[in-house]
């Protein structure tokens, strides 16, 4: 009986390997855990070629997404957004400017940015604030958000 068999992992597994990697595991571990859960497939020639192809496609998609994020970052670096809010005595804001407000203001200027990618706290004072937006894991853009009093 074989003490180890080769399988190709379909996703990253701690203490086993990365997705797309050819690893040696015990037959019972492969048969009872990895294969039924779709975490690995048998290491046949066709499966290895398929995983290699999928890796290349994923790398190409990641490179394209990174390039698009860099281009959007350059465009966003010159953007200035003005948001008007009611103020009370002593120029105190009623409420605050939230990520949703910034997302909507950017949308009016033609930029589609998910509010979960905005990296700032709610803006609670009048004036100009620098707000960072994470476009990709390694790409961030900084925009100017001006909070002004509503006339």
C-alpha atoms as a PDB file:
ATOM      1  CA  UNK A   1       0.000   0.000   0.000  1.00  0.00           C
ATOM      2  CA  UNK A   2       1.257   3.494  -0.864  1.00  0.00           C
ATOM      3  CA  UNK A   3       2.357   5.562   2.087  1.00  0.00           C
ATOM      4  CA  UNK A   4       1.868   8.860   0.236  1.00  0.00           C
ATOM      5  CA  UNK A   5       0.100   9.977  -2.920  1.00  0.00           C
ATOM      6  CA  UNK A   6       0.361  13.113  -5.028  1.00  0.00           C
ATOM      7  CA  UNK A   7      -2.570  15.533  -5.272  1.00  0.00           C
ATOM      8  CA  UNK A   8      -2.980  19.016  -6.701  1.00  0.00           C
ATOM      9  CA  UNK A   9      -4.451  21.509  -4.222  1.00  0.00           C
ATOM     10  CA  UNK A  10      -7.270  23.649  -5.581  1.00  0.00           C
ATOM     11  CA  UNK A  11      -6.936  26.295  -2.833  1.00  0.00           C
ATOM     12  CA  UNK A  12      -4.522  27.341  -0.104  1.00  0.00           C
ATOM     13  CA  UNK A  13      -4.455  25.106   2.959  1.00  0.00           C
ATOM     14  CA  UNK A  14      -2.507  25.873   6.128  1.00  0.00           C
ATOM     15  CA  UNK A  15       0.221  23.314   6.878  1.00  0.00           C
ATOM     16  CA  UNK A  16      -0.360  21.570   3.527  1.00  0.00           C
ATOM     17  CA  UNK A  17       0.428  23.988   0.687  1.00  0.00           C
ATOM     18  CA  UNK A  18      -0.732  26.705  -1.674  1.00  0.00           C
ATOM     19  CA  UNK A  19      -3.436  26.378  -4.301  1.00  0.00           C
ATOM     20  CA  UNK A  20      -2.201  24.833  -7.541  1.00  0.00           C
ATOM     21  CA  UNK A  21       0.723  23.154  -5.809  1.00  0.00           C
ATOM     22  CA  UNK A  22       1.548  19.455  -6.225  1.00  0.00           C
ATOM     23  CA  UNK A  23       1.855  17.920  -2.733  1.00  0.00           C
ATOM     24  CA  UNK A  24       2.363  14.489  -1.186  1.00  0.00           C
ATOM     25  CA  UNK A  25      -0.251  13.485   1.374  1.00  0.00           C
ATOM     26  CA  UNK A  26      -1.449  10.308   3.018  1.00  0.00           C
ATOM     27  CA  UNK A  27      -4.046   8.414   0.968  1.00  0.00           C
ATOM     28  CA  UNK A  28      -6.668   8.534   3.727  1.00  0.00           C
ATOM     29  CA  UNK A  29      -6.294  12.305   4.138  1.00  0.00           C
ATOM     30  CA  UNK A  30      -6.770  12.783   0.392  1.00  0.00           C
ATOM     31  CA  UNK A  31      -9.618  10.265   0.060  1.00  0.00           C
ATOM     32  CA  UNK A  32     -11.574  11.255   3.194  1.00  0.00           C
ATOM     33  CA  UNK A  33     -10.927  14.986   3.538  1.00  0.00           C
ATOM     34  CA  UNK A  34      -9.319  16.796   0.612  1.00  0.00           C
ATOM     35  CA  UNK A  35     -11.127  15.328  -2.394  1.00  0.00           C
ATOM     36  CA  UNK A  36     -14.699  15.237  -0.982  1.00  0.00           C
ATOM     37  CA  UNK A  37     -14.459  18.888   0.080  1.00  0.00           C
ATOM     38  CA  UNK A  38     -13.044  19.934  -3.293  1.00  0.00           C
ATOM     39  CA  UNK A  39      -9.765  21.060  -1.735  1.00  0.00           C
ATOM     40  CA  UNK A  40      -7.650  18.802  -3.977  1.00  0.00           C
ATOM     41  CA  UNK A  41      -7.830  16.725  -7.123  1.00  0.00           C
ATOM     42  CA  UNK A  42      -5.811  13.728  -8.235  1.00  0.00           C
ATOM     43  CA  UNK A  43      -2.410  14.493  -9.740  1.00  0.00           C
ATOM     44  CA  UNK A  44      -3.032  13.352 -13.306  1.00  0.00           C
ATOM     45  CA  UNK A  45      -1.342  14.997 -16.302  1.00  0.00           C
ATOM     46  CA  UNK A  46      -4.588  16.651 -17.366  1.00  0.00           C
ATOM     47  CA  UNK A  47      -5.352  18.012 -13.902  1.00  0.00           C
ATOM     48  CA  UNK A  48      -1.839  19.424 -13.530  1.00  0.00           C
ATOM     49  CA  UNK A  49      -2.127  21.189 -16.917  1.00  0.00           C
ATOM     50  CA  UNK A  50      -5.585  22.483 -15.974  1.00  0.00           C
ATOM     51  CA  UNK A  51      -4.336  23.955 -12.694  1.00  0.00           C
ATOM     52  CA  UNK A  52      -1.329  25.540 -14.436  1.00  0.00           C
ATOM     53  CA  UNK A  53      -3.660  27.125 -16.986  1.00  0.00           C
ATOM     54  CA  UNK A  54      -5.961  28.437 -14.244  1.00  0.00           C
ATOM     55  CA  UNK A  55      -2.933  29.918 -12.429  1.00  0.00           C
ATOM     56  CA  UNK A  56      -1.846  31.776 -15.566  1.00  0.00           C
ATOM     57  CA  UNK A  57      -5.358  33.123 -16.120  1.00  0.00           C
ATOM     58  CA  UNK A  58      -5.605  34.260 -12.480  1.00  0.00           C
ATOM     59  CA  UNK A  59      -2.205  35.974 -12.684  1.00  0.00           C
ATOM     60  CA  UNK A  60      -3.247  37.782 -15.858  1.00  0.00           C
ATOM     61  CA  UNK A  61      -6.495  38.939 -14.217  1.00  0.00           C
ATOM     62  CA  UNK A  62      -4.587  40.141 -11.146  1.00  0.00           C
ATOM     63  CA  UNK A  63      -2.116  42.054 -13.301  1.00  0.00           C
ATOM     64  CA  UNK A  64      -4.964  43.682 -15.242  1.00  0.00           C
ATOM     65  CA  UNK A  65      -6.791  44.627 -12.017  1.00  0.00           C
ATOM     66  CA  UNK A  66      -3.586  46.123 -10.592  1.00  0.00           C
ATOM     67  CA  UNK A  67      -3.054  48.149 -13.761  1.00  0.00           C
ATOM     68  CA  UNK A  68      -6.645  49.446 -13.646  1.00  0.00           C
ATOM     69  CA  UNK A  69      -6.232  50.328  -9.951  1.00  0.00           C
ATOM     70  CA  UNK A  70      -3.056  52.287 -10.731  1.00  0.00           C
ATOM     71  CA  UNK A  71      -4.814  54.220 -13.514  1.00  0.00           C
ATOM     72  CA  UNK A  72      -7.790  54.992 -11.268  1.00  0.00           C
ATOM     73  CA  UNK A  73      -5.407  56.086  -8.513  1.00  0.00           C
ATOM     74  CA  UNK A  74      -3.787  58.615 -10.852  1.00  0.00           C
ATOM     75  CA  UNK A  75      -7.214  59.976 -11.835  1.00  0.00           C
ATOM     76  CA  UNK A  76      -8.428  60.159  -8.226  1.00  0.00           C
ATOM     77  CA  UNK A  77      -5.320  61.946  -6.964  1.00  0.00           C
ATOM     78  CA  UNK A  78      -6.532  65.205  -8.554  1.00  0.00           C
ATOM     79  CA  UNK A  79     -10.166  64.869  -7.428  1.00  0.00           C
ATOM     80  CA  UNK A  80     -11.629  67.299  -4.937  1.00  0.00           C
ATOM     81  CA  UNK A  81     -15.094  66.598  -3.541  1.00  0.00           C
ATOM     82  CA  UNK A  82     -17.231  69.201  -1.777  1.00  0.00           C
ATOM     83  CA  UNK A  83     -19.978  68.049   0.566  1.00  0.00           C
ATOM     84  CA  UNK A  84     -22.368  70.554   2.130  1.00  0.00           C
ATOM     85  CA  UNK A  85     -23.788  69.962   5.602  1.00  0.00           C
ATOM     86  CA  UNK A  86     -25.913  71.971   8.003  1.00  0.00           C
ATOM     87  CA  UNK A  87     -23.980  73.517  10.836  1.00  0.00           C
ATOM     88  CA  UNK A  88     -25.045  74.776  14.201  1.00  0.00           C
ATOM     89  CA  UNK A  89     -23.635  77.328  16.553  1.00  0.00           C
ATOM     90  CA  UNK A  90     -19.848  77.556  16.527  1.00  0.00           C
ATOM     91  CA  UNK A  91     -19.665  75.842  13.114  1.00  0.00           C
ATOM     92  CA  UNK A  92     -20.464  72.418  14.576  1.00  0.00           C
ATOM     93  CA  UNK A  93     -21.827  69.890  12.142  1.00  0.00           C
ATOM     94  CA  UNK A  94     -25.169  68.220  12.632  1.00  0.00           C
ATOM     95  CA  UNK A  95     -24.078  64.602  12.261  1.00  0.00           C
ATOM     96  CA  UNK A  96     -21.012  63.787  10.184  1.00  0.00           C
ATOM     97  CA  UNK A  97     -19.832  63.047   6.665  1.00  0.00           C
ATOM     98  CA  UNK A  98     -19.754  59.277   6.262  1.00  0.00           C
ATOM     99  CA  UNK A  99     -18.225  56.886   3.753  1.00  0.00           C
ATOM    100  CA  UNK A 100     -21.590  56.682   1.997  1.00  0.00           C
ATOM    101  CA  UNK A 101     -21.627  60.464   1.481  1.00  0.00           C
ATOM    102  CA  UNK A 102     -18.139  60.353  -0.019  1.00  0.00           C
ATOM    103  CA  UNK A 103     -19.114  57.413  -2.251  1.00  0.00           C
ATOM    104  CA  UNK A 104     -22.169  59.292  -3.557  1.00  0.00           C
ATOM    105  CA  UNK A 105     -20.151  62.470  -4.194  1.00  0.00           C
ATOM    106  CA  UNK A 106     -17.553  60.493  -6.144  1.00  0.00           C
ATOM    107  CA  UNK A 107     -20.359  58.788  -8.084  1.00  0.00           C
ATOM    108  CA  UNK A 108     -21.710  62.179  -9.175  1.00  0.00           C
ATOM    109  CA  UNK A 109     -18.260  62.933 -10.613  1.00  0.00           C
ATOM    110  CA  UNK A 110     -18.223  59.639 -12.498  1.00  0.00           C
ATOM    111  CA  UNK A 111     -16.035  57.506 -10.229  1.00  0.00           C
ATOM    112  CA  UNK A 112     -17.296  54.149  -8.981  1.00  0.00           C
ATOM    113  CA  UNK A 113     -15.715  53.422  -5.584  1.00  0.00           C
ATOM    114  CA  UNK A 114     -17.005  50.989  -2.984  1.00  0.00           C
ATOM    115  CA  UNK A 115     -17.504  52.724   0.375  1.00  0.00           C
ATOM    116  CA  UNK A 116     -15.878  49.796   2.208  1.00  0.00           C
ATOM    117  CA  UNK A 117     -12.599  50.756   0.557  1.00  0.00           C
ATOM    118  CA  UNK A 118     -12.576  54.263   2.057  1.00  0.00           C
ATOM    119  CA  UNK A 119     -10.034  54.400   4.865  1.00  0.00           C
ATOM    120  CA  UNK A 120     -11.054  57.187   7.217  1.00  0.00           C
ATOM    121  CA  UNK A 121     -13.240  57.881  10.149  1.00  0.00           C
ATOM    122  CA  UNK A 122     -16.408  59.906   9.745  1.00  0.00           C
ATOM    123  CA  UNK A 123     -15.575  63.568   9.133  1.00  0.00           C
ATOM    124  CA  UNK A 124     -17.025  65.701  11.930  1.00  0.00           C
ATOM    125  CA  UNK A 125     -15.489  69.114  11.280  1.00  0.00           C
ATOM    126  CA  UNK A 126     -15.671  71.734   8.563  1.00  0.00           C
ATOM    127  CA  UNK A 127     -12.686  72.175   6.277  1.00  0.00           C
ATOM    128  CA  UNK A 128     -10.602  70.154   3.862  1.00  0.00           C
ATOM    129  CA  UNK A 129      -9.712  66.578   4.743  1.00  0.00           C
ATOM    130  CA  UNK A 130      -7.472  64.065   2.990  1.00  0.00           C
ATOM    131  CA  UNK A 131      -9.201  60.711   2.610  1.00  0.00           C
ATOM    132  CA  UNK A 132      -7.471  57.556   1.436  1.00  0.00           C
ATOM    133  CA  UNK A 133      -9.156  54.935  -0.718  1.00  0.00           C
ATOM    134  CA  UNK A 134      -7.712  51.423  -1.044  1.00  0.00           C
ATOM    135  CA  UNK A 135      -8.148  50.397  -4.675  1.00  0.00           C
ATOM    136  CA  UNK A 136      -6.055  47.215  -4.490  1.00  0.00           C
ATOM    137  CA  UNK A 137      -4.024  45.578  -1.712  1.00  0.00           C
ATOM    138  CA  UNK A 138      -0.958  47.608  -2.719  1.00  0.00           C
ATOM    139  CA  UNK A 139      -2.620  50.675  -4.323  1.00  0.00           C
ATOM    140  CA  UNK A 140      -4.205  53.570  -2.460  1.00  0.00           C
ATOM    141  CA  UNK A 141      -5.422  56.933  -3.696  1.00  0.00           C
ATOM    142  CA  UNK A 142      -5.771  60.128  -1.696  1.00  0.00           C
ATOM    143  CA  UNK A 143      -8.617  62.520  -2.442  1.00  0.00           C
ATOM    144  CA  UNK A 144      -9.492  65.912  -1.004  1.00  0.00           C
ATOM    145  CA  UNK A 145     -12.880  66.113   0.707  1.00  0.00           C
ATOM    146  CA  UNK A 146     -14.072  69.572   1.624  1.00  0.00           C
ATOM    147  CA  UNK A 147     -16.861  69.797   4.154  1.00  0.00           C
ATOM    148  CA  UNK A 148     -18.650  73.103   3.758  1.00  0.00           C
ATOM    149  CA  UNK A 149     -21.540  74.786   5.518  1.00  0.00           C
ATOM    150  CA  UNK A 150     -24.897  74.627   3.757  1.00  0.00           C
ATOM    151  CA  UNK A 151     -26.055  78.103   2.789  1.00  0.00           C
END
